Amino acid sequence: MEKETFKNHIKIFRAKFDWTQEDLAKKVGVTRKTINTIENGVFIPSAYLAIKIAKAFNEQVENIFYIESQ
């Protein structure tokens, strides 16, 4: 069975908008540490938070978060 990993493009989208982790955190109502742990794959966000992050970037959730098979 393939191993699956939850990944994201948060760093890419932050760069596109020229936002820091703190900027994104304020927009979605969490701490910078929460954004950092999500961005680095340490923490998987709830569906609610994933949608809030996608909305902050004006993107669909699937454009920010994805599952990678290995």
N, C-alpha and C. Protein backbone atom coordinates (compact mmCIF):
# COMPACT_ATOMS: atom_id res chain seq x y z
N MET A 1 0.84 -1.18 0.00
CA MET A 1 0.00 0.00 0.00
C MET A 1 0.89 1.25 0.00
N GLU A 2 0.50 2.23 -0.81
CA GLU A 2 1.26 3.47 -0.91
C GLU A 2 1.10 4.33 0.34
N LYS A 3 2.17 4.99 0.70
CA LYS A 3 2.12 5.93 1.81
C LYS A 3 1.62 7.27 1.26
N GLU A 4 0.70 7.90 1.98
CA GLU A 4 0.17 9.19 1.56
C GLU A 4 0.57 10.26 2.57
N THR A 5 0.92 11.42 2.05
CA THR A 5 1.32 12.55 2.88
C THR A 5 0.47 13.76 2.53
N PHE A 6 -0.01 14.45 3.56
CA PHE A 6 -0.79 15.68 3.37
C PHE A 6 0.19 16.83 3.16
N LYS A 7 0.08 17.50 2.02
CA LYS A 7 1.01 18.57 1.67
C LYS A 7 0.25 19.87 1.40
N ASN A 8 1.00 20.96 1.24
CA ASN A 8 0.35 22.23 0.94
C ASN A 8 1.28 23.16 0.16
N HIS A 9 0.66 24.17 -0.43
CA HIS A 9 1.39 25.20 -1.18
C HIS A 9 1.29 26.55 -0.48
N ILE A 10 1.15 26.55 0.84
CA ILE A 10 0.97 27.81 1.57
C ILE A 10 2.15 28.76 1.33
N LYS A 11 3.36 28.25 1.41
CA LYS A 11 4.53 29.10 1.24
C LYS A 11 4.53 29.77 -0.14
N ILE A 12 4.16 29.03 -1.17
CA ILE A 12 4.11 29.57 -2.53
C ILE A 12 3.08 30.69 -2.62
N PHE A 13 1.90 30.45 -2.05
CA PHE A 13 0.86 31.48 -2.10
C PHE A 13 1.20 32.68 -1.24
N ARG A 14 1.85 32.46 -0.11
CA ARG A 14 2.27 33.60 0.71
C ARG A 14 3.24 34.48 -0.07
N ALA A 15 4.17 33.85 -0.78
CA ALA A 15 5.15 34.60 -1.58
C ALA A 15 4.45 35.38 -2.69
N LYS A 16 3.46 34.75 -3.31
CA LYS A 16 2.70 35.40 -4.39
C LYS A 16 2.02 36.68 -3.88
N PHE A 17 1.52 36.63 -2.64
CA PHE A 17 0.83 37.78 -2.04
C PHE A 17 1.77 38.67 -1.23
N ASP A 18 3.05 38.25 -1.13
CA ASP A 18 4.04 38.94 -0.32
C ASP A 18 3.60 39.06 1.14
N TRP A 19 3.09 37.93 1.68
CA TRP A 19 2.62 37.87 3.06
C TRP A 19 3.61 37.07 3.90
N THR A 20 3.77 37.49 5.14
CA THR A 20 4.52 36.70 6.11
C THR A 20 3.57 35.66 6.71
N GLN A 21 4.12 34.75 7.49
CA GLN A 21 3.26 33.81 8.20
C GLN A 21 2.35 34.57 9.15
N GLU A 22 2.87 35.61 9.76
CA GLU A 22 2.07 36.45 10.67
C GLU A 22 0.90 37.11 9.94
N ASP A 23 1.15 37.60 8.73
CA ASP A 23 0.08 38.23 7.93
C ASP A 23 -1.07 37.24 7.69
N LEU A 24 -0.72 36.05 7.25
CA LEU A 24 -1.74 35.03 6.99
C LEU A 24 -2.45 34.64 8.28
N ALA A 25 -1.70 34.47 9.34
CA ALA A 25 -2.28 34.09 10.63
C ALA A 25 -3.34 35.09 11.06
N LYS A 26 -3.04 36.37 10.93
CA LYS A 26 -4.01 37.41 11.32
C LYS A 26 -5.26 37.35 10.45
N LYS A 27 -5.09 37.06 9.17
CA LYS A 27 -6.24 37.01 8.25
C LYS A 27 -7.19 35.86 8.56
N VAL A 28 -6.64 34.76 9.09
CA VAL A 28 -7.49 33.59 9.35
C VAL A 28 -7.75 33.36 10.84
N GLY A 29 -7.18 34.20 11.69
CA GLY A 29 -7.50 34.13 13.12
C GLY A 29 -6.79 33.06 13.92
N VAL A 30 -5.54 32.78 13.53
CA VAL A 30 -4.73 31.82 14.30
C VAL A 30 -3.38 32.46 14.60
N THR A 31 -2.52 31.71 15.28
CA THR A 31 -1.18 32.24 15.58
C THR A 31 -0.22 31.97 14.42
N ARG A 32 0.88 32.69 14.42
CA ARG A 32 1.91 32.46 13.41
C ARG A 32 2.45 31.03 13.53
N LYS A 33 2.57 30.56 14.76
CA LYS A 33 3.06 29.20 15.01
C LYS A 33 2.15 28.15 14.35
N THR A 34 0.85 28.38 14.39
CA THR A 34 -0.09 27.45 13.74
C THR A 34 0.16 27.42 12.24
N ILE A 35 0.31 28.59 11.63
CA ILE A 35 0.60 28.64 10.19
C ILE A 35 1.92 27.94 9.90
N ASN A 36 2.92 28.17 10.73
CA ASN A 36 4.22 27.54 10.55
C ASN A 36 4.12 26.02 10.59
N THR A 37 3.39 25.49 11.57
CA THR A 37 3.30 24.03 11.70
C THR A 37 2.50 23.40 10.55
N ILE A 38 1.50 24.13 10.05
CA ILE A 38 0.74 23.64 8.89
C ILE A 38 1.63 23.67 7.65
N GLU A 39 2.27 24.79 7.45
CA GLU A 39 3.13 24.98 6.27
C GLU A 39 4.23 23.93 6.21
N ASN A 40 4.77 23.55 7.35
CA ASN A 40 5.86 22.57 7.40
C ASN A 40 5.40 21.12 7.55
N GLY A 41 4.10 20.89 7.46
CA GLY A 41 3.57 19.53 7.47
C GLY A 41 3.55 18.86 8.83
N VAL A 42 3.73 19.63 9.90
CA VAL A 42 3.71 19.08 11.25
C VAL A 42 2.28 18.91 11.73
N PHE A 43 1.40 19.77 11.28
CA PHE A 43 0.00 19.80 11.73
C PHE A 43 -0.92 19.84 10.51
N ILE A 44 -1.96 19.02 10.52
CA ILE A 44 -2.97 19.04 9.45
C ILE A 44 -4.13 19.89 9.94
N PRO A 45 -4.48 20.93 9.19
CA PRO A 45 -5.55 21.81 9.65
C PRO A 45 -6.92 21.14 9.57
N SER A 46 -7.83 21.65 10.37
CA SER A 46 -9.23 21.20 10.26
C SER A 46 -9.77 21.65 8.89
N ALA A 47 -10.86 21.06 8.47
CA ALA A 47 -11.49 21.48 7.21
C ALA A 47 -11.85 22.95 7.28
N TYR A 48 -12.34 23.39 8.42
CA TYR A 48 -12.73 24.78 8.61
C TYR A 48 -11.54 25.72 8.39
N LEU A 49 -10.40 25.41 9.00
CA LEU A 49 -9.23 26.26 8.86
C LEU A 49 -8.66 26.18 7.44
N ALA A 50 -8.67 25.00 6.85
CA ALA A 50 -8.19 24.86 5.46
C ALA A 50 -9.01 25.74 4.52
N ILE A 51 -10.32 25.78 4.71
CA ILE A 51 -11.19 26.61 3.88
C ILE A 51 -10.89 28.09 4.13
N LYS A 52 -10.69 28.47 5.39
CA LYS A 52 -10.36 29.87 5.71
C LYS A 52 -9.05 30.29 5.05
N ILE A 53 -8.07 29.42 5.06
CA ILE A 53 -6.78 29.72 4.42
C ILE A 53 -6.98 29.87 2.91
N ALA A 54 -7.70 28.94 2.31
CA ALA A 54 -7.95 29.02 0.86
C ALA A 54 -8.69 30.31 0.51
N LYS A 55 -9.69 30.68 1.31
CA LYS A 55 -10.44 31.91 1.05
C LYS A 55 -9.55 33.14 1.18
N ALA A 56 -8.61 33.13 2.11
CA ALA A 56 -7.68 34.26 2.26
C ALA A 56 -6.89 34.47 0.98
N PHE A 57 -6.55 33.38 0.30
CA PHE A 57 -5.82 33.45 -0.97
C PHE A 57 -6.75 33.55 -2.18
N ASN A 58 -8.06 33.53 -1.93
CA ASN A 58 -9.06 33.55 -3.01
C ASN A 58 -8.85 32.36 -3.96
N GLU A 59 -8.63 31.21 -3.36
CA GLU A 59 -8.37 29.97 -4.11
C GLU A 59 -9.27 28.85 -3.61
N GLN A 60 -9.38 27.80 -4.41
CA GLN A 60 -10.08 26.60 -3.96
C GLN A 60 -9.14 25.82 -3.04
N VAL A 61 -9.72 25.11 -2.09
CA VAL A 61 -8.93 24.34 -1.12
C VAL A 61 -7.95 23.40 -1.83
N GLU A 62 -8.39 22.78 -2.92
CA GLU A 62 -7.56 21.80 -3.63
C GLU A 62 -6.32 22.45 -4.26
N ASN A 63 -6.34 23.76 -4.45
CA ASN A 63 -5.17 24.45 -5.00
C ASN A 63 -4.13 24.74 -3.93
N ILE A 64 -4.53 24.66 -2.67
CA ILE A 64 -3.62 24.92 -1.56
C ILE A 64 -3.15 23.62 -0.92
N PHE A 65 -4.08 22.70 -0.69
CA PHE A 65 -3.79 21.44 0.01
C PHE A 65 -3.96 20.25 -0.93
N TYR A 66 -3.10 19.24 -0.76
CA TYR A 66 -3.17 18.05 -1.61
C TYR A 66 -2.57 16.85 -0.89
N ILE A 67 -2.86 15.68 -1.39
CA ILE A 67 -2.30 14.45 -0.83
C ILE A 67 -1.32 13.89 -1.84
N GLU A 68 -0.12 13.62 -1.35
CA GLU A 68 0.95 13.09 -2.20
C GLU A 68 1.14 11.61 -1.87
N SER A 69 1.09 10.77 -2.90
CA SER A 69 1.33 9.33 -2.71
C SER A 69 2.80 9.04 -2.98
N GLN A 70 3.35 8.14 -2.16
CA GLN A 70 4.76 7.79 -2.33
C GLN A 70 4.93 6.31 -2.53
